Protein backbone atom coordinates (compact mmCIF):
# COMPACT_ATOMS: atom_id res chain seq x y z
CA MET A 1 16.05 8.00 -17.92
CA SER A 2 14.27 4.63 -17.56
CA ILE A 3 13.63 3.18 -14.11
CA SER A 4 15.73 0.12 -14.89
CA LYS A 5 18.75 2.17 -15.97
CA TYR A 6 18.40 4.44 -12.96
CA LEU A 7 18.16 1.54 -10.52
CA LYS A 8 21.19 -0.20 -11.98
CA GLY A 9 23.31 2.94 -11.86
CA PHE A 10 22.12 4.01 -8.45
CA ALA A 11 22.63 0.55 -6.97
CA ALA A 12 26.14 0.22 -8.43
CA GLY A 13 27.21 3.60 -7.05
CA LEU A 14 25.79 3.06 -3.60
CA LEU A 15 27.13 -0.48 -3.39
CA GLY A 16 30.62 0.87 -4.00
CA LEU A 17 30.17 3.44 -1.25
CA ALA A 18 28.85 0.80 1.10
CA MET A 19 31.81 -1.51 0.59
CA LEU A 20 34.26 1.36 1.15
CA SER A 21 32.52 2.36 4.37
CA LEU A 22 32.49 -1.12 5.95
CA PRO A 23 35.46 -2.10 8.13
CA ALA A 24 37.59 -4.80 6.53
CA ASN A 25 36.78 -7.36 9.22
CA LEU A 26 33.02 -6.88 8.73
CA SER A 27 32.83 -6.58 4.96
CA ALA A 28 31.92 -10.26 4.54
CA LYS A 29 28.83 -9.97 6.76
CA GLU A 30 25.54 -9.68 4.91
CA ILE A 31 21.84 -10.25 5.23
CA LYS A 32 20.47 -11.83 2.09
CA ILE A 33 16.95 -10.63 1.33
CA GLY A 34 14.59 -11.84 -1.37
CA VAL A 35 12.49 -8.89 -2.54
CA ILE A 36 9.35 -9.82 -4.49
CA TYR A 37 7.10 -7.37 -6.36
CA ASP A 38 5.32 -7.32 -9.72
CA TYR A 39 7.60 -5.69 -12.29
CA THR A 40 5.47 -6.91 -15.19
CA GLY A 41 1.79 -7.62 -15.76
CA PRO A 42 -1.24 -5.50 -14.82
CA LEU A 43 -0.28 -5.14 -11.15
CA ALA A 44 2.96 -3.40 -12.09
CA ALA A 45 1.01 -0.46 -13.54
CA GLY A 46 -1.49 -0.67 -10.68
CA GLY A 47 1.15 0.34 -8.15
CA SER A 48 3.47 -2.62 -7.58
CA SER A 49 6.36 -1.19 -9.59
CA LEU A 50 6.12 1.99 -7.51
CA HIS A 51 6.32 -0.02 -4.28
CA ALA A 52 9.32 -1.83 -5.73
CA LEU A 53 10.98 1.50 -6.42
CA GLY A 54 10.35 2.75 -2.88
CA ALA A 55 11.77 -0.43 -1.37
CA LYS A 56 14.88 -0.31 -3.53
CA ILE A 57 15.54 3.33 -2.79
CA MET A 58 15.58 2.51 0.91
CA ILE A 59 17.67 -0.66 0.58
CA ASP A 60 20.26 1.24 -1.44
CA TYR A 61 20.20 4.10 1.05
CA PHE A 62 21.12 1.82 3.96
CA ASN A 63 23.89 0.21 1.94
CA SER A 64 25.20 3.69 1.13
CA ILE A 65 25.64 4.46 4.83
CA GLY A 66 27.42 1.20 5.58
CA GLY A 67 24.57 -1.26 5.98
CA VAL A 68 23.05 -2.18 9.34
CA GLU A 69 25.23 -3.05 12.33
CA GLY A 70 28.02 -4.16 10.03
CA TYR A 71 25.77 -6.20 7.73
CA LYS A 72 25.60 -5.33 4.05
CA ILE A 73 22.14 -5.79 2.53
CA ASN A 74 22.32 -8.24 -0.35
CA ALA A 75 18.95 -7.86 -2.04
CA ILE A 76 17.87 -10.33 -4.71
CA TYR A 77 14.93 -8.96 -6.68
CA ALA A 78 12.27 -11.24 -8.17
CA ASP A 79 9.32 -10.53 -10.45
CA ALA A 80 6.00 -12.12 -9.41
CA GLN A 81 4.65 -11.18 -12.87
CA SER A 82 1.22 -10.34 -11.38
CA LYS A 83 0.56 -14.07 -10.84
CA PRO A 84 0.12 -15.84 -7.46
CA GLU A 85 1.68 -19.07 -8.70
CA ILE A 86 4.79 -17.21 -9.88
CA ALA A 87 5.04 -15.42 -6.51
CA ILE A 88 4.95 -18.77 -4.69
CA ASN A 89 7.54 -20.29 -7.02
CA GLU A 90 9.84 -17.29 -6.65
CA ALA A 91 9.52 -17.33 -2.87
CA VAL A 92 10.49 -21.02 -2.74
CA ARG A 93 13.33 -20.47 -5.23
CA LEU A 94 14.75 -17.60 -3.23
CA ILE A 95 14.63 -19.61 0.00
CA GLU A 96 15.83 -22.96 -1.29
CA GLN A 97 18.20 -22.00 -4.10
CA GLU A 98 19.35 -18.46 -3.32
CA LYS A 99 19.43 -19.24 0.41
CA VAL A 100 17.99 -15.88 1.42
CA ASP A 101 17.67 -15.09 5.12
CA MET A 102 14.22 -13.56 4.70
CA LEU A 103 11.62 -12.30 2.22
CA MET A 104 10.38 -8.73 1.86
CA GLY A 105 7.86 -6.87 -0.28
CA PHE A 106 4.65 -8.27 -1.85
CA TYR A 107 1.99 -6.05 -3.37
CA SER A 108 -0.91 -8.36 -4.20
CA SER A 109 -3.03 -9.94 -1.48
CA ALA A 110 -3.81 -12.83 -3.82
CA GLN A 111 -0.07 -13.59 -3.65
CA CYS A 112 0.37 -12.83 0.05
CA VAL A 113 -2.25 -15.27 1.27
CA PRO A 114 -0.58 -18.42 -0.12
CA VAL A 115 3.01 -17.17 0.09
CA SER A 116 2.78 -16.21 3.76
CA ALA A 117 1.57 -19.68 4.72
CA LYS A 118 4.31 -21.28 2.63
CA VAL A 119 7.08 -19.12 4.08
CA ASP A 120 5.88 -19.63 7.66
CA ALA A 121 5.78 -23.40 7.13
CA MET A 122 9.36 -23.24 5.87
CA LYS A 123 10.35 -21.44 9.10
CA LYS A 124 11.54 -18.34 7.25
CA PHE A 125 10.85 -14.69 8.06
CA MET A 126 8.56 -12.50 5.90
CA TRP A 127 8.22 -8.70 6.17
CA ILE A 128 5.14 -7.51 4.24
CA THR A 129 5.29 -3.93 3.00
CA THR A 130 2.01 -3.73 1.15
CA CYS A 131 -0.72 -6.34 0.58
CA ILE A 132 -3.66 -5.46 2.79
CA SER A 133 -6.21 -8.28 2.79
CA PRO A 134 -7.26 -9.30 6.33
CA ALA A 135 -7.13 -12.91 5.07
CA VAL A 136 -3.33 -12.76 4.97
CA LEU A 137 -3.16 -12.91 8.78
CA LYS A 138 -6.66 -13.28 10.22
CA GLY A 139 -7.09 -16.45 12.25
CA ARG A 140 -3.89 -18.03 10.87
CA ASN A 141 -1.54 -17.40 13.82
CA LEU A 142 1.52 -17.20 11.59
CA GLU A 143 4.71 -16.92 13.64
CA ASN A 144 7.24 -15.39 11.25
CA VAL A 145 5.07 -13.06 9.13
CA PHE A 146 4.67 -9.38 9.99
CA ARG A 147 2.72 -6.64 8.22
CA ILE A 148 3.32 -3.00 9.07
CA GLN A 149 0.59 -1.77 6.69
CA PRO A 150 -3.03 -1.14 7.80
CA HIS A 151 -5.24 -4.01 6.66
CA GLY A 152 -8.14 -3.89 4.22
CA GLY A 153 -10.81 -3.97 6.88
CA MET A 154 -9.47 -0.63 8.12
CA PHE A 155 -9.59 0.73 4.57
CA GLY A 156 -13.15 -0.52 4.17
CA THR A 157 -14.57 1.07 7.32
CA THR A 158 -12.72 4.39 6.90
CA SER A 159 -14.66 5.41 3.79
CA PRO A 160 -18.16 4.91 5.32
CA ASP A 161 -17.04 6.83 8.41
CA PHE A 162 -15.99 9.70 6.18
CA VAL A 163 -19.25 9.67 4.19
CA ALA A 164 -21.40 9.43 7.32
CA HIS A 165 -19.69 12.49 8.79
CA TYR A 166 -20.56 14.62 5.75
CA ALA A 167 -23.83 13.01 4.58
CA LYS A 168 -26.14 15.68 6.01
CA LYS A 169 -23.69 18.54 6.09
CA LYS A 170 -22.61 18.39 2.46
CA LEU A 171 -24.87 15.93 0.64
CA GLY A 172 -28.05 16.98 2.39
CA ILE A 173 -29.00 13.33 2.92
CA ASP A 174 -29.69 11.58 6.19
CA PRO A 175 -27.34 8.57 6.53
CA SER A 176 -30.36 6.25 6.81
CA LYS A 177 -31.49 7.36 3.34
CA LEU A 178 -28.09 7.41 1.67
CA LYS A 179 -27.77 4.85 -1.13
CA VAL A 180 -24.36 3.24 -1.57
CA ALA A 181 -22.93 0.61 -3.90
CA ILE A 182 -19.93 -1.59 -3.10
CA ILE A 183 -18.02 -2.95 -6.10
CA HIS A 184 -14.69 -4.76 -5.99
CA GLU A 185 -12.29 -7.09 -7.71
CA ASP A 186 -13.11 -10.53 -6.40
CA GLY A 187 -9.71 -11.55 -5.01
CA PRO A 188 -8.68 -11.44 -1.32
CA TYR A 189 -7.75 -7.75 -1.60
CA GLY A 190 -11.06 -6.52 -3.02
CA SER A 191 -13.18 -8.89 -0.95
CA GLY A 192 -11.43 -7.87 2.27
CA VAL A 193 -11.97 -4.15 1.68
CA ALA A 194 -15.55 -4.73 0.51
CA GLY A 195 -16.28 -6.56 3.74
CA GLY A 196 -15.15 -3.49 5.64
CA ASN A 197 -17.27 -1.27 3.36
CA GLU A 198 -20.31 -3.40 4.12
CA ALA A 199 -19.74 -3.46 7.88
CA GLY A 200 -19.13 0.30 7.97
CA SER A 201 -22.19 1.03 5.81
CA LYS A 202 -24.42 -1.09 8.04
CA LYS A 203 -23.03 0.61 11.13
CA HIS A 204 -24.11 4.00 9.78
CA GLY A 205 -27.44 2.77 8.43
CA PHE A 206 -26.69 3.30 4.71
CA LYS A 207 -28.87 1.56 2.14
CA ILE A 208 -26.61 -0.86 0.26
CA VAL A 209 -28.26 -1.03 -3.16
CA LEU A 210 -25.57 -3.24 -4.75
CA LYS A 211 -22.60 -5.28 -3.59
CA GLU A 212 -20.83 -7.12 -6.38
CA GLY A 213 -17.41 -8.47 -7.25
CA TYR A 214 -15.83 -8.96 -10.66
CA ALA A 215 -12.64 -10.43 -12.11
CA ALA A 216 -9.84 -7.85 -12.18
CA THR A 217 -8.89 -9.18 -15.62
CA SER A 218 -12.41 -8.73 -17.03
CA PRO A 219 -12.35 -7.13 -20.52
CA ASP A 220 -15.82 -5.62 -20.10
CA LEU A 221 -17.58 -4.10 -17.07
CA SER A 222 -20.56 -2.67 -18.94
CA SER A 223 -23.03 -5.06 -17.28
CA LEU A 224 -21.84 -3.88 -13.86
CA VAL A 225 -22.17 -0.25 -14.96
CA THR A 226 -25.70 -0.95 -16.21
CA LYS A 227 -26.68 -2.47 -12.85
CA LEU A 228 -25.32 0.58 -11.08
CA LYS A 229 -27.33 2.87 -13.36
CA ARG A 230 -30.50 1.02 -12.39
CA LYS A 231 -29.70 1.19 -8.67
CA ARG A 232 -28.75 4.89 -8.74
CA PRO A 233 -26.37 4.97 -5.73
CA ASP A 234 -25.34 8.31 -4.27
CA VAL A 235 -21.89 7.00 -3.33
CA ILE A 236 -19.84 4.21 -4.87
CA PHE A 237 -17.14 2.39 -2.89
CA HIS A 238 -14.74 0.78 -5.36
CA THR A 239 -11.77 -1.49 -4.77
CA GLY A 240 -9.75 -2.48 -7.83
CA TYR A 241 -6.35 -2.66 -9.43
CA ASN A 242 -5.53 -1.36 -12.90
CA PRO A 243 -6.61 -1.53 -15.74
CA ASP A 244 -10.00 -2.53 -14.28
CA ILE A 245 -10.34 0.89 -12.64
CA THR A 246 -9.61 2.60 -15.96
CA LEU A 247 -12.12 0.33 -17.69
CA PHE A 248 -14.80 1.07 -15.10
CA LEU A 249 -14.32 4.84 -15.29
CA ARG A 250 -14.27 4.83 -19.10
CA GLN A 251 -17.41 2.71 -19.44
CA SER A 252 -19.17 4.70 -16.72
CA ARG A 253 -18.53 7.88 -18.68
CA GLU A 254 -19.64 6.29 -21.96
CA LEU A 255 -22.81 4.76 -20.52
CA GLY A 256 -23.80 7.78 -18.43
CA LEU A 257 -23.36 6.44 -14.90
CA ARG A 258 -23.51 9.28 -12.36
CA TRP A 259 -22.69 9.61 -8.68
CA LYS A 260 -22.24 12.16 -5.91
CA ALA A 261 -18.95 10.64 -4.73
CA LEU A 262 -16.62 7.86 -5.85
CA ILE A 263 -14.25 6.50 -3.23
CA GLY A 264 -11.45 4.14 -4.21
CA HIS A 265 -9.29 2.07 -1.89
CA GLY A 266 -5.61 2.02 -2.76
CA ALA A 267 -3.97 0.09 -5.63
CA GLY A 268 -4.88 1.80 -8.94
CA TYR A 269 -6.59 4.66 -7.14
CA GLY A 270 -3.28 5.39 -5.42
CA VAL A 271 -1.57 6.33 -8.70
CA PRO A 272 -3.01 9.78 -9.55
CA ASP A 273 -0.73 10.34 -12.52
CA LYS A 274 -2.26 7.29 -14.23
CA LEU A 275 -5.78 8.56 -13.53
CA TYR A 276 -5.04 12.01 -14.92
CA GLU A 277 -3.15 10.54 -17.88
CA ALA A 278 -6.23 8.49 -18.81
CA PHE A 279 -9.01 10.96 -17.94
CA GLY A 280 -7.52 14.42 -17.68
CA ASN A 281 -9.50 16.72 -15.40
CA ASP A 282 -12.33 14.20 -15.27
CA ALA A 283 -10.22 12.53 -12.57
CA ASN A 284 -10.73 15.56 -10.33
CA TYR A 285 -12.54 15.02 -7.03
CA ILE A 286 -12.07 11.24 -6.94
CA TYR A 287 -11.35 10.02 -3.41
CA ASN A 288 -8.85 7.38 -2.37
CA VAL A 289 -8.32 5.57 0.92
CA ASP A 290 -4.66 4.76 1.58
CA PRO A 291 -2.00 5.26 4.22
CA VAL A 292 -1.09 8.93 4.10
CA SER A 293 1.52 10.00 1.56
CA ILE A 294 4.81 10.73 3.33
CA TRP A 295 4.99 13.98 1.36
CA LEU A 296 1.76 15.27 2.89
CA ILE A 297 2.98 14.94 6.48
CA ASP A 298 4.42 17.90 8.35
CA PRO A 299 7.96 16.73 9.28
CA LYS A 300 7.67 18.67 12.54
CA THR A 301 5.14 16.06 13.72
CA LEU A 302 7.64 13.23 13.19
CA THR A 303 10.61 11.96 15.17
CA SER A 304 13.64 14.17 14.54
CA GLY A 305 15.52 13.23 11.38
CA LEU A 306 12.67 11.49 9.57
CA GLY A 307 11.90 14.60 7.52
CA LYS A 308 15.37 14.35 5.95
CA ILE A 309 14.71 10.73 5.02
CA THR A 310 11.46 11.77 3.31
CA GLU A 311 13.39 14.40 1.35
CA MET A 312 15.91 11.78 0.26
CA VAL A 313 13.18 9.41 -0.96
CA GLY A 314 11.55 12.23 -2.93
CA LYS A 315 14.85 13.17 -4.55
CA GLU A 316 15.58 9.60 -5.65
CA TYR A 317 11.98 9.13 -6.82
CA LYS A 318 12.36 12.17 -9.06
CA LEU A 319 15.64 10.87 -10.43
CA ALA A 320 13.98 7.57 -11.28
CA GLN A 321 10.91 9.17 -12.83
CA PRO A 322 11.75 12.72 -13.97
CA ASP A 323 8.30 13.18 -15.52
CA VAL A 324 6.34 12.39 -12.36
CA LYS A 325 3.84 15.17 -11.57
CA THR A 326 2.26 13.96 -8.33
CA PHE A 327 4.31 11.78 -6.01
CA SER A 328 2.41 8.54 -5.53
CA ALA A 329 1.79 7.43 -1.95
CA HIS A 330 2.88 3.95 -3.10
CA VAL A 331 6.58 4.86 -3.29
CA GLY A 332 6.57 6.47 0.14
CA MET A 333 4.58 3.61 1.62
CA ALA A 334 7.12 0.96 0.70
CA ALA A 335 10.06 3.23 1.56
CA SER A 336 8.63 3.90 5.02
CA ASN A 337 7.82 0.27 5.77
CA VAL A 338 11.25 -0.88 4.61
CA TYR A 339 12.94 1.91 6.60
CA THR A 340 11.26 0.74 9.80
CA PHE A 341 12.63 -2.76 9.33
CA PHE A 342 16.23 -1.65 8.77
CA ASP A 343 16.19 1.17 11.32
CA ASP A 344 14.33 -0.55 14.16
CA VAL A 345 13.88 -4.30 13.75
CA LEU A 346 17.13 -5.50 12.18
CA PRO A 347 19.48 -3.67 14.60
CA ARG A 348 17.62 -5.19 17.56
CA ALA A 349 17.74 -8.67 16.04
CA ILE A 350 21.51 -8.39 15.64
CA LYS A 351 22.32 -6.73 18.96
CA LYS A 352 19.74 -8.28 21.29
CA TYR A 353 19.01 -11.64 19.69
CA GLY A 354 22.38 -12.48 18.20
CA GLY A 355 21.91 -12.29 14.47
CA ILE A 356 19.60 -12.57 11.47
CA SER A 357 17.91 -15.94 11.92
CA ALA A 358 14.15 -16.15 11.50
CA GLU A 359 13.85 -16.55 15.27
CA ALA A 360 15.94 -13.43 15.93
CA LEU A 361 13.97 -11.41 13.39
CA ARG A 362 10.66 -12.66 14.82
CA LYS A 363 11.62 -11.76 18.38
CA ALA A 364 12.92 -8.36 17.32
CA SER A 365 9.68 -7.63 15.41
CA SER A 366 7.58 -8.70 18.38
CA ASP A 367 9.48 -6.20 20.55
CA THR A 368 8.76 -3.28 18.21
CA ASP A 369 7.08 -0.42 20.06
CA ILE A 370 7.16 2.77 17.97
CA PRO A 371 4.88 5.64 19.03
CA VAL A 372 2.80 7.83 16.71
CA GLY A 373 5.15 10.03 14.70
CA GLY A 374 7.92 7.45 14.75
CA THR A 375 7.62 6.37 11.10
CA LEU A 376 7.68 8.24 7.80
CA MET A 377 3.96 7.41 7.52
CA GLY A 378 3.21 9.14 10.80
CA TYR A 379 1.64 6.15 12.50
CA GLY A 380 3.28 4.02 15.17
CA VAL A 381 4.15 0.32 15.12
CA LYS A 382 3.10 -2.42 17.54
CA PHE A 383 2.39 -5.90 16.23
CA GLN A 384 -0.44 -8.06 17.52
CA PRO A 385 1.10 -10.95 19.50
CA LYS A 386 1.04 -14.66 18.83
CA GLY A 387 -2.42 -16.03 19.60
CA ALA A 388 -4.21 -12.79 18.65
CA ASP A 389 -6.82 -12.83 15.90
CA MET A 390 -4.43 -11.06 13.54
CA ALA A 391 -1.04 -12.04 14.93
CA GLY A 392 1.70 -10.09 13.15
CA GLN A 393 -0.53 -7.14 12.17
CA ASN A 394 0.53 -3.60 13.07
CA GLU A 395 -2.30 -2.39 15.30
CA ARG A 396 -1.15 1.25 15.25
CA ALA A 397 -1.43 1.74 11.49
CA PHE A 398 -4.30 3.69 9.95
CA PRO A 399 -5.34 4.93 6.49
CA VAL A 400 -6.63 8.36 5.47
CA VAL A 401 -9.01 9.61 2.78
CA VAL A 402 -7.45 11.84 0.12
CA GLN A 403 -9.14 13.75 -2.68
CA TYR A 404 -7.51 14.55 -6.00
CA ILE A 405 -7.91 18.19 -7.01
CA ASP A 406 -6.11 19.62 -10.04
CA GLY A 407 -3.62 16.79 -9.98
CA LYS A 408 -2.80 17.19 -6.29
CA ALA A 409 -3.63 14.81 -3.44
CA LYS A 410 -5.29 16.55 -0.48
CA ILE A 411 -6.12 14.93 2.87
CA ALA A 412 -9.89 15.00 3.36
CA TRP A 413 -10.21 12.72 6.43
CA PRO A 414 -9.73 12.43 9.38
CA THR A 415 -10.41 16.05 10.24
CA PRO A 416 -7.28 16.61 12.42
CA LEU A 417 -5.09 15.86 9.38
CA GLN A 418 -7.17 17.68 6.74
CA THR A 419 -5.43 19.77 4.11
CA VAL A 420 -8.65 20.44 2.18
CA ASP A 421 -12.33 20.95 2.88
CA PRO A 422 -13.65 17.94 0.91
CA VAL A 423 -15.60 18.74 -2.25
CA LEU A 424 -18.98 17.01 -1.91
CA PRO A 425 -21.06 16.37 -3.91
CA LEU A 426 -19.23 16.05 -7.23
CA PRO A 427 -19.39 19.45 -9.03
CA LYS A 428 -21.75 19.72 -12.01
CA SER A 429 -18.74 20.35 -14.25
CA SER A 430 -17.76 16.68 -13.92
CA PRO A 431 -19.15 14.21 -16.50
CA TYR A 432 -19.80 11.84 -13.59
CA ALA A 433 -21.86 14.34 -11.55
CA LYS A 434 -25.26 13.04 -10.47
């Protein structure tokens, strides 16, 4: 069954249930939400379509149980087509023509940076589920934009922390002698994570032998691979989308680039099925920094009832993509971040602040105070206040490092959450082994 057919059928069925469950005097109430992701273009395959699926599963779930505080969720879906200018146009169209009450979603940081400023200037509310660049919020003091996701700087410093912990123990190299390379797509997303990589590497005394960006749409990365061969890094920190990740791995294999560890940072690295589809077992032992997959969390560590929600998301994910082998963290990420809005923020806006205006939604978001274990992702939620350096950023979010082994994602860092003893260095059986 195709995703589009599944979503249409699922939405129609749940919408019918939702309308039956609403009292007659409340059935006309609705919150109109513009949901923007990339359904086409390179970002769709890089993870955006999976985030879109996770968001829609959760929206349809809430409608199936009667909506939120008597409000049906009227979601209008828009395709950003992997282009910032289209994302901006769609955001304005949804606000001005469709008269949505708020915007939700957004995968690409290159879209989030301009769209967030535009939406805030239009005095509308924006709930970001995904895009991680620090530049989206840093120093901008946006009033009506909130991001529950950890930001790219957190991604960027997590990987050096992980490597530093195991440098001597597993690689047999003192951190001060460890050679690292930082490569990234040159948009806000890649640049933001790379900045964290650089800061973290300097903190631990690594030797940064190369730091270079490239266009995510580049048809050839062989010159970058050649530079890396000359510099001979032990560890490569890579931030990219897809197909640039696939291109880099393919040309690295063809040109004989070797490493002890390759650590990706979300996006294309967060879709293991794509990696294994393209490279088979050569994708084994790649690392990825991302918020933890909801399916790797012990439900006993979460607030009561959240485990059942995770099960529901997994069931609907499998219905949408029957051939999926490894559940992508992307679907769970969006589902969790959307769930928090409908379960925590929206009810408070309606009950405490009188409705669904941008002001009510902003005040309700600012009040959010969810402890660790209170979301499907395991982390808590508390947004930095107005006037803070990153106003609207969830300060309780954090990413983890996972390693792919035989098609499965295993938590390698931090140590309290580990489900695998990380394999370092890369085994000699890998064509990428140094």
